[in-house]
């Protein structure tokens, strides 16, 4: 079994040694590590080599790595891909980490032809921010206010953009953390179109198992209880 969306970072609670031990105990034989939540973030060959050095004599299962797309690293991207990363991750909204800023359509237009050329996937966190009205700042422990602070329209708009660019560049694209029923519908329809690399939705299985009273842990994209069954049905069907 493979976990293709892992964040194992050295010198933190999720460091490579314990992360791979825990994965092995759960029957997972391969994990693929995300490029953020580590310092330096994996957006250059030098940073990638530092991460590889940090794993020496600490791995108990197979481990692969993603590289990152951020503003300003387009000239580093091909060398990073040739160094052996298995895919490229990007955010269309703030990642929560200043070292890993989000990209826009300009950067995607530059990067997607290169990613397609090397036949690896682009993993996109799909939210495009716009103004919202909510009281999350006043009620930071209220999950409904948290939902309102990240409306599904953000996700829907970002998915529209990625479908357009996926079609334009024929670039294999994974839409991560799908939480909007409308976005899932858009992706499903796009997969039926006649182009070689349709977008694919991704959702971490653990989040689909969460109950609403366990949702105090904030994640993005958010877990929307009303669409959980639709997303679960999609993965069971596909």
Protein backbone atom coordinates (compact mmCIF):
# COMPACT_ATOMS: atom_id res chain seq x y z
CA UNK A 1 0.00 0.00 0.00
CA UNK A 2 1.22 3.50 -0.88
CA UNK A 3 0.54 6.83 0.85
CA UNK A 4 1.09 9.43 -1.86
CA UNK A 5 0.52 12.48 0.36
CA UNK A 6 2.85 12.45 3.35
CA UNK A 7 4.64 15.17 5.30
CA UNK A 8 7.62 13.66 7.09
CA UNK A 9 10.04 16.29 8.30
CA UNK A 10 13.28 15.79 10.10
CA UNK A 11 13.77 17.32 13.57
CA UNK A 12 10.01 17.53 14.17
CA UNK A 13 7.42 15.10 15.51
CA UNK A 14 6.89 13.67 12.03
CA UNK A 15 10.56 13.03 11.29
CA UNK A 16 11.51 10.42 8.70
CA UNK A 17 12.47 7.68 11.13
CA UNK A 18 9.23 7.66 13.12
CA UNK A 19 7.08 8.46 10.08
CA UNK A 20 8.35 5.44 8.17
CA UNK A 21 8.12 3.22 11.26
CA UNK A 22 4.49 4.24 11.76
CA UNK A 23 3.73 3.65 8.09
CA UNK A 24 5.28 0.18 8.21
CA UNK A 25 3.25 -0.67 11.30
CA UNK A 26 0.10 0.26 9.39
CA UNK A 27 0.95 -1.87 6.37
CA UNK A 28 2.17 0.97 4.16
CA UNK A 29 5.27 0.11 2.17
CA UNK A 30 5.78 3.40 0.30
CA UNK A 31 5.23 7.06 1.14
CA UNK A 32 5.77 10.13 -1.02
CA UNK A 33 6.86 13.21 0.88
CA UNK A 34 5.48 16.68 0.23
CA UNK A 35 7.89 19.57 -0.47
CA UNK A 36 6.72 21.96 2.24
CA UNK A 37 6.60 21.79 6.05
CA UNK A 38 10.38 21.48 6.00
CA UNK A 39 13.17 24.02 5.92
CA UNK A 40 14.38 24.54 3.34
CA UNK A 41 11.30 23.75 1.26
CA UNK A 42 12.00 21.42 -1.68
CA UNK A 43 11.99 23.93 -4.52
CA UNK A 44 15.63 23.66 -5.66
CA UNK A 45 18.08 20.84 -6.26
CA UNK A 46 20.16 22.00 -3.31
CA UNK A 47 17.17 21.81 -0.98
CA UNK A 48 16.26 18.39 -2.38
CA UNK A 49 19.77 17.11 -1.71
CA UNK A 50 19.58 18.41 1.86
CA UNK A 51 16.36 16.46 2.34
CA UNK A 52 17.94 13.30 0.90
CA UNK A 53 20.87 13.70 3.29
CA UNK A 54 18.42 13.99 6.19
CA UNK A 55 16.94 10.59 5.36
CA UNK A 56 20.17 8.59 5.46
CA UNK A 57 19.91 5.53 7.73
CA UNK A 58 16.45 6.67 8.86
CA UNK A 59 14.08 4.99 6.40
CA UNK A 60 12.19 1.77 7.17
CA UNK A 61 10.11 1.69 3.96
CA UNK A 62 10.35 3.07 0.42
CA UNK A 63 10.20 6.88 0.24
CA UNK A 64 9.73 9.14 -2.77
CA UNK A 65 9.64 12.92 -2.93
CA UNK A 66 7.71 15.72 -4.59
CA UNK A 67 9.26 19.03 -5.61
CA UNK A 68 7.54 22.38 -5.29
CA UNK A 69 6.47 25.12 -7.68
CA UNK A 70 6.65 28.63 -6.23
CA UNK A 71 7.02 32.08 -7.79
CA UNK A 72 10.59 32.53 -8.98
CA UNK A 73 11.75 28.91 -9.21
CA UNK A 74 10.75 28.15 -12.80
CA UNK A 75 14.44 28.11 -13.79
CA UNK A 76 15.13 25.48 -11.12
CA UNK A 77 12.22 23.26 -12.05
CA UNK A 78 13.73 21.09 -14.80
CA UNK A 79 16.87 20.37 -12.79
CA UNK A 80 14.68 19.46 -9.82
CA UNK A 81 12.65 17.08 -11.96
CA UNK A 82 15.80 15.50 -13.39
CA UNK A 83 17.08 15.00 -9.84
CA UNK A 84 14.30 12.49 -9.30
CA UNK A 85 11.24 14.11 -7.77
CA UNK A 86 8.08 12.18 -8.62
CA UNK A 87 5.78 15.17 -9.10
CA UNK A 88 5.45 18.90 -8.52
CA UNK A 89 3.21 20.43 -5.83
CA UNK A 90 1.77 23.94 -5.91
CA UNK A 91 -0.75 26.04 -4.02
CA UNK A 92 -3.16 28.51 -5.60
CA UNK A 93 -3.68 30.16 -2.21
CA UNK A 94 -1.34 30.85 0.69
CA UNK A 95 0.10 27.53 1.84
CA UNK A 96 0.39 28.67 5.44
CA UNK A 97 4.17 28.70 5.05
CA UNK A 98 5.87 31.90 3.90
CA UNK A 99 8.74 29.91 2.35
CA UNK A 100 6.23 28.23 0.03
CA UNK A 101 4.11 31.03 -1.50
CA UNK A 102 1.25 30.37 -3.87
CA UNK A 103 1.39 30.59 -7.64
CA UNK A 104 -1.07 32.03 -10.13
CA UNK A 105 -2.00 31.49 -13.74
CA UNK A 106 1.23 33.15 -14.93
CA UNK A 107 3.48 30.64 -13.14
CA UNK A 108 1.26 27.71 -14.13
CA UNK A 109 1.46 28.73 -17.80
CA UNK A 110 5.25 28.62 -17.51
CA UNK A 111 5.52 25.40 -15.52
CA UNK A 112 2.86 23.06 -16.89
CA UNK A 113 4.44 22.54 -20.34
CA UNK A 114 7.71 21.60 -18.62
CA UNK A 115 5.98 19.23 -16.21
CA UNK A 116 4.05 17.64 -19.09
CA UNK A 117 7.29 17.24 -21.06
CA UNK A 118 8.71 15.06 -18.27
CA UNK A 119 5.45 13.12 -17.85
CA UNK A 120 5.09 13.62 -14.10
CA UNK A 121 2.01 14.93 -12.29
CA UNK A 122 1.31 18.43 -11.04
CA UNK A 123 -0.44 18.36 -7.66
CA UNK A 124 -2.50 21.50 -7.12
CA UNK A 125 -4.06 22.76 -3.90
CA UNK A 126 -7.07 24.47 -5.43
CA UNK A 127 -8.36 27.59 -3.72
CA UNK A 128 -8.36 31.08 -5.22
CA UNK A 129 -9.08 33.61 -2.52
CA UNK A 130 -11.76 36.27 -2.76
CA UNK A 131 -13.42 38.46 -0.15
CA UNK A 132 -15.63 36.64 2.37
CA UNK A 133 -17.89 37.74 5.21
CA UNK A 134 -17.66 35.61 8.32
CA UNK A 135 -16.93 35.77 12.05
CA UNK A 136 -14.15 33.19 12.18
CA UNK A 137 -11.73 35.69 13.72
CA UNK A 138 -14.20 36.21 16.57
CA UNK A 139 -15.06 32.52 16.93
CA UNK A 140 -11.91 30.59 15.98
CA UNK A 141 -13.22 27.37 17.57
CA UNK A 142 -16.50 27.37 15.61
CA UNK A 143 -16.25 24.92 12.72
CA UNK A 144 -19.16 26.44 10.80
CA UNK A 145 -17.39 29.80 10.87
CA UNK A 146 -14.24 28.10 9.65
CA UNK A 147 -16.21 26.62 6.76
CA UNK A 148 -17.55 30.09 5.95
CA UNK A 149 -14.02 31.52 5.97
CA UNK A 150 -13.01 29.21 3.09
CA UNK A 151 -16.11 28.99 0.85
CA UNK A 152 -16.37 26.31 -1.80
CA UNK A 153 -16.46 29.04 -4.46
CA UNK A 154 -12.70 29.45 -3.87
CA UNK A 155 -12.20 25.79 -4.72
CA UNK A 156 -14.62 25.80 -7.65
CA UNK A 157 -12.88 28.78 -9.28
CA UNK A 158 -9.45 27.18 -8.86
CA UNK A 159 -10.65 23.87 -10.30
CA UNK A 160 -12.05 25.71 -13.33
CA UNK A 161 -8.62 27.24 -13.91
CA UNK A 162 -6.79 23.93 -13.53
CA UNK A 163 -9.16 22.13 -15.91
CA UNK A 164 -8.59 24.87 -18.51
CA UNK A 165 -4.80 24.64 -18.16
CA UNK A 166 -4.83 20.84 -18.02
CA UNK A 167 -6.62 20.82 -21.35
CA UNK A 168 -4.30 23.49 -22.79
CA UNK A 169 -1.04 21.78 -21.87
CA UNK A 170 -2.08 18.12 -21.63
CA UNK A 171 -0.40 18.05 -18.21
CA UNK A 172 -1.32 15.28 -15.77
CA UNK A 173 -2.90 17.14 -12.85
CA UNK A 174 -4.03 15.95 -9.43
CA UNK A 175 -6.51 18.21 -7.62
CA UNK A 176 -5.69 17.60 -3.96
CA UNK A 177 -8.04 17.85 -0.97
CA UNK A 178 -11.28 17.95 -2.98
CA UNK A 179 -14.05 19.14 -0.66
CA UNK A 180 -16.64 20.72 -2.96
CA UNK A 181 -19.36 18.65 -4.63
CA UNK A 182 -19.42 21.12 -7.53
CA UNK A 183 -15.66 20.83 -7.98
CA UNK A 184 -15.92 17.03 -7.97
CA UNK A 185 -18.62 17.24 -10.64
CA UNK A 186 -16.44 19.50 -12.78
CA UNK A 187 -13.51 17.09 -12.48
CA UNK A 188 -15.71 14.09 -13.28
CA UNK A 189 -17.00 15.78 -16.44
CA UNK A 190 -13.49 16.84 -17.45
CA UNK A 191 -12.27 13.24 -17.14
CA UNK A 192 -14.81 12.23 -19.79
CA UNK A 193 -13.43 14.72 -22.32
CA UNK A 194 -11.14 13.48 -25.06
CA UNK A 195 -7.72 14.62 -23.89
CA UNK A 196 -4.89 12.45 -22.71
CA UNK A 197 -4.26 13.79 -19.21
CA UNK A 198 -7.56 14.61 -17.49
CA UNK A 199 -7.49 16.07 -13.97
CA UNK A 200 -7.83 13.60 -11.09
CA UNK A 201 -9.33 14.35 -7.66
CA UNK A 202 -7.43 13.42 -4.50
CA UNK A 203 -8.70 13.26 -0.92
CA UNK A 204 -6.87 11.84 2.08
CA UNK A 205 -8.86 8.80 3.21
CA UNK A 206 -8.42 9.60 6.90
CA UNK A 207 -10.37 12.83 6.49
CA UNK A 208 -13.34 10.98 4.99
CA UNK A 209 -13.54 8.92 8.19
CA UNK A 210 -13.73 11.94 10.49
CA UNK A 211 -16.94 12.79 12.31
CA UNK A 212 -18.03 16.40 12.74
CA UNK A 213 -17.16 16.42 16.45
CA UNK A 214 -13.57 15.53 15.56
CA UNK A 215 -13.24 18.46 13.17
CA UNK A 216 -11.67 20.87 15.63
CA UNK A 217 -8.44 20.19 13.72
CA UNK A 218 -8.46 22.76 10.93
CA UNK A 219 -7.25 21.57 7.55
CA UNK A 220 -7.53 22.95 4.06
CA UNK A 221 -9.28 22.40 1.86
CA UNK A 222 -11.89 22.07 4.58
CA UNK A 223 -13.91 18.93 5.30
CA UNK A 224 -17.51 19.64 4.30
CA UNK A 225 -19.88 17.12 5.93
CA UNK A 226 -22.57 17.70 3.29
CA UNK A 227 -20.37 16.39 0.45
CA UNK A 228 -18.53 13.64 2.32
CA UNK A 229 -20.84 10.90 0.98
CA UNK A 230 -20.47 12.12 -2.61
CA UNK A 231 -16.69 12.13 -2.39
CA UNK A 232 -16.62 8.71 -0.71
CA UNK A 233 -18.95 7.32 -3.41
CA UNK A 234 -16.69 8.71 -6.13
CA UNK A 235 -13.63 6.92 -4.77
CA UNK A 236 -15.55 3.68 -4.24
CA UNK A 237 -16.73 3.85 -7.86
CA UNK A 238 -13.37 4.79 -9.39
